[in-house]
Amino acid sequence: MKIKYFNDTDTALVEFSDQQVKETREISENIYIDLDAKGNPVSMTIEHARTTTQLPDLAYQQIEG
């Protein structure tokens, strides 16, 4: 998974896989999910990322189960 932030457009892109995008769904006014042919998430775009998310406080934690 990769997270990219584009400062010039205040857009965050979260990439889950490198599959080809078949469909993009609008989740809300500022959030879009790209899906592959099987309906699995490929990426998520967050517009106005600094004001709609806690982008500077990004953290990753893996939980063993």
N, C-alpha and C. Protein backbone atom coordinates (compact mmCIF):
# COMPACT_ATOMS: atom_id res chain seq x y z
N MET A 1 0.85 -1.17 0.00
CA MET A 1 0.00 0.00 0.00
C MET A 1 0.89 1.23 0.00
N LYS A 2 0.48 2.22 -0.78
CA LYS A 2 1.21 3.48 -0.86
C LYS A 2 0.25 4.63 -0.61
N ILE A 3 0.76 5.66 0.05
CA ILE A 3 -0.02 6.88 0.25
C ILE A 3 0.78 8.03 -0.34
N LYS A 4 0.14 8.75 -1.25
CA LYS A 4 0.79 9.89 -1.89
C LYS A 4 -0.04 11.14 -1.59
N TYR A 5 0.66 12.24 -1.33
CA TYR A 5 -0.01 13.51 -1.10
C TYR A 5 0.48 14.52 -2.13
N PHE A 6 -0.47 15.15 -2.82
CA PHE A 6 -0.17 16.15 -3.83
C PHE A 6 -0.49 17.52 -3.25
N ASN A 7 0.55 18.22 -2.85
CA ASN A 7 0.40 19.51 -2.16
C ASN A 7 -0.30 20.55 -3.03
N ASP A 8 0.00 20.55 -4.32
CA ASP A 8 -0.57 21.58 -5.20
C ASP A 8 -2.08 21.48 -5.34
N THR A 9 -2.64 20.27 -5.18
CA THR A 9 -4.10 20.10 -5.28
C THR A 9 -4.74 19.70 -3.96
N ASP A 10 -3.93 19.56 -2.90
CA ASP A 10 -4.42 19.12 -1.59
C ASP A 10 -5.21 17.82 -1.71
N THR A 11 -4.60 16.86 -2.43
CA THR A 11 -5.24 15.58 -2.69
C THR A 11 -4.36 14.45 -2.16
N ALA A 12 -4.99 13.49 -1.49
CA ALA A 12 -4.28 12.29 -1.03
C ALA A 12 -4.75 11.11 -1.88
N LEU A 13 -3.81 10.26 -2.25
CA LEU A 13 -4.11 9.06 -3.01
C LEU A 13 -3.58 7.87 -2.23
N VAL A 14 -4.48 6.96 -1.86
CA VAL A 14 -4.11 5.74 -1.15
C VAL A 14 -4.23 4.60 -2.16
N GLU A 15 -3.10 3.98 -2.48
CA GLU A 15 -3.08 2.89 -3.45
C GLU A 15 -3.03 1.55 -2.72
N PHE A 16 -4.02 0.70 -2.98
CA PHE A 16 -4.10 -0.60 -2.34
C PHE A 16 -3.48 -1.71 -3.18
N SER A 17 -3.56 -1.57 -4.50
CA SER A 17 -3.00 -2.58 -5.40
C SER A 17 -2.64 -1.92 -6.72
N ASP A 18 -2.03 -2.70 -7.61
CA ASP A 18 -1.68 -2.17 -8.92
C ASP A 18 -2.60 -2.71 -10.02
N GLN A 19 -3.75 -3.22 -9.64
CA GLN A 19 -4.72 -3.73 -10.60
C GLN A 19 -5.29 -2.60 -11.45
N GLN A 20 -5.83 -2.94 -12.60
CA GLN A 20 -6.43 -1.96 -13.49
C GLN A 20 -7.79 -1.52 -12.93
N VAL A 21 -8.05 -0.23 -12.97
CA VAL A 21 -9.31 0.32 -12.47
C VAL A 21 -10.41 0.06 -13.49
N LYS A 22 -11.49 -0.54 -13.01
CA LYS A 22 -12.66 -0.81 -13.87
C LYS A 22 -13.76 0.23 -13.63
N GLU A 23 -13.88 0.70 -12.37
CA GLU A 23 -14.97 1.59 -11.99
C GLU A 23 -14.54 2.52 -10.86
N THR A 24 -15.01 3.74 -10.88
CA THR A 24 -14.78 4.68 -9.78
C THR A 24 -16.12 5.02 -9.17
N ARG A 25 -16.20 4.91 -7.85
CA ARG A 25 -17.44 5.24 -7.13
C ARG A 25 -17.21 6.44 -6.23
N GLU A 26 -18.15 7.35 -6.24
CA GLU A 26 -18.10 8.51 -5.35
C GLU A 26 -18.71 8.11 -4.02
N ILE A 27 -17.90 8.17 -2.96
CA ILE A 27 -18.36 7.82 -1.63
C ILE A 27 -18.99 9.03 -0.95
N SER A 28 -18.36 10.17 -1.14
CA SER A 28 -18.89 11.44 -0.65
C SER A 28 -18.37 12.53 -1.58
N GLU A 29 -18.65 13.77 -1.27
CA GLU A 29 -18.23 14.87 -2.13
C GLU A 29 -16.73 14.91 -2.38
N ASN A 30 -15.93 14.43 -1.42
CA ASN A 30 -14.47 14.53 -1.51
C ASN A 30 -13.75 13.19 -1.54
N ILE A 31 -14.48 12.07 -1.56
CA ILE A 31 -13.83 10.76 -1.49
C ILE A 31 -14.33 9.87 -2.62
N TYR A 32 -13.35 9.28 -3.33
CA TYR A 32 -13.65 8.39 -4.45
C TYR A 32 -12.88 7.09 -4.28
N ILE A 33 -13.54 5.98 -4.60
CA ILE A 33 -12.91 4.66 -4.52
C ILE A 33 -12.84 4.08 -5.93
N ASP A 34 -11.66 3.63 -6.32
CA ASP A 34 -11.46 2.95 -7.59
C ASP A 34 -11.51 1.45 -7.34
N LEU A 35 -12.27 0.71 -8.18
CA LEU A 35 -12.44 -0.73 -8.02
C LEU A 35 -11.92 -1.46 -9.26
N ASP A 36 -11.44 -2.69 -9.05
CA ASP A 36 -11.02 -3.52 -10.18
C ASP A 36 -12.22 -4.28 -10.74
N ALA A 37 -11.99 -5.16 -11.69
CA ALA A 37 -13.08 -5.90 -12.35
C ALA A 37 -13.84 -6.81 -11.39
N LYS A 38 -13.20 -7.21 -10.28
CA LYS A 38 -13.86 -8.08 -9.29
C LYS A 38 -14.52 -7.30 -8.17
N GLY A 39 -14.44 -5.96 -8.23
CA GLY A 39 -15.04 -5.13 -7.18
C GLY A 39 -14.14 -4.88 -6.00
N ASN A 40 -12.86 -5.26 -6.10
CA ASN A 40 -11.90 -5.03 -5.02
C ASN A 40 -11.33 -3.61 -5.12
N PRO A 41 -11.04 -2.99 -3.98
CA PRO A 41 -10.49 -1.63 -4.02
C PRO A 41 -9.08 -1.60 -4.60
N VAL A 42 -8.86 -0.64 -5.50
CA VAL A 42 -7.55 -0.42 -6.09
C VAL A 42 -6.91 0.82 -5.46
N SER A 43 -7.71 1.88 -5.33
CA SER A 43 -7.20 3.11 -4.73
C SER A 43 -8.35 3.96 -4.20
N MET A 44 -7.98 4.92 -3.37
CA MET A 44 -8.94 5.87 -2.81
C MET A 44 -8.35 7.26 -2.96
N THR A 45 -9.14 8.18 -3.48
CA THR A 45 -8.73 9.57 -3.63
C THR A 45 -9.49 10.42 -2.63
N ILE A 46 -8.75 11.27 -1.90
CA ILE A 46 -9.36 12.17 -0.93
C ILE A 46 -9.00 13.59 -1.33
N GLU A 47 -10.00 14.33 -1.77
CA GLU A 47 -9.79 15.73 -2.13
C GLU A 47 -9.91 16.59 -0.89
N HIS A 48 -9.24 17.76 -0.90
CA HIS A 48 -9.20 18.66 0.26
C HIS A 48 -8.71 17.88 1.49
N ALA A 49 -7.67 17.12 1.30
CA ALA A 49 -7.19 16.17 2.32
C ALA A 49 -6.77 16.83 3.63
N ARG A 50 -6.17 18.00 3.58
CA ARG A 50 -5.73 18.64 4.82
C ARG A 50 -6.91 19.07 5.70
N THR A 51 -8.03 19.40 5.09
CA THR A 51 -9.18 19.87 5.87
C THR A 51 -10.17 18.76 6.19
N THR A 52 -10.13 17.65 5.45
CA THR A 52 -11.10 16.57 5.70
C THR A 52 -10.51 15.37 6.43
N THR A 53 -9.19 15.32 6.59
CA THR A 53 -8.56 14.21 7.30
C THR A 53 -7.51 14.74 8.26
N GLN A 54 -6.96 13.85 9.04
CA GLN A 54 -5.85 14.21 9.95
C GLN A 54 -4.55 13.79 9.28
N LEU A 55 -4.34 14.26 8.07
CA LEU A 55 -3.22 13.84 7.25
C LEU A 55 -1.85 13.98 7.93
N PRO A 56 -1.55 15.06 8.61
CA PRO A 56 -0.23 15.13 9.25
C PRO A 56 -0.02 14.09 10.35
N ASP A 57 -1.11 13.51 10.89
CA ASP A 57 -1.00 12.55 11.98
C ASP A 57 -1.15 11.11 11.50
N LEU A 58 -0.72 10.84 10.28
CA LEU A 58 -0.82 9.52 9.69
C LEU A 58 0.01 8.52 10.49
N ALA A 59 -0.60 7.37 10.81
CA ALA A 59 0.09 6.31 11.55
C ALA A 59 -0.32 4.96 10.98
N TYR A 60 0.57 3.99 11.08
CA TYR A 60 0.31 2.64 10.61
C TYR A 60 0.60 1.69 11.76
N GLN A 61 -0.31 0.76 12.01
CA GLN A 61 -0.11 -0.21 13.07
C GLN A 61 -0.61 -1.56 12.59
N GLN A 62 0.25 -2.57 12.64
CA GLN A 62 -0.15 -3.93 12.27
C GLN A 62 -0.49 -4.71 13.52
N ILE A 63 -1.67 -5.28 13.55
CA ILE A 63 -2.14 -6.05 14.72
C ILE A 63 -2.05 -7.53 14.40
N GLU A 64 -1.31 -8.25 15.20
CA GLU A 64 -1.19 -9.70 15.03
C GLU A 64 -2.38 -10.37 15.70
N GLY A 65 -2.93 -11.38 15.05
CA GLY A 65 -4.13 -12.01 15.59
C GLY A 65 -4.02 -13.47 15.80
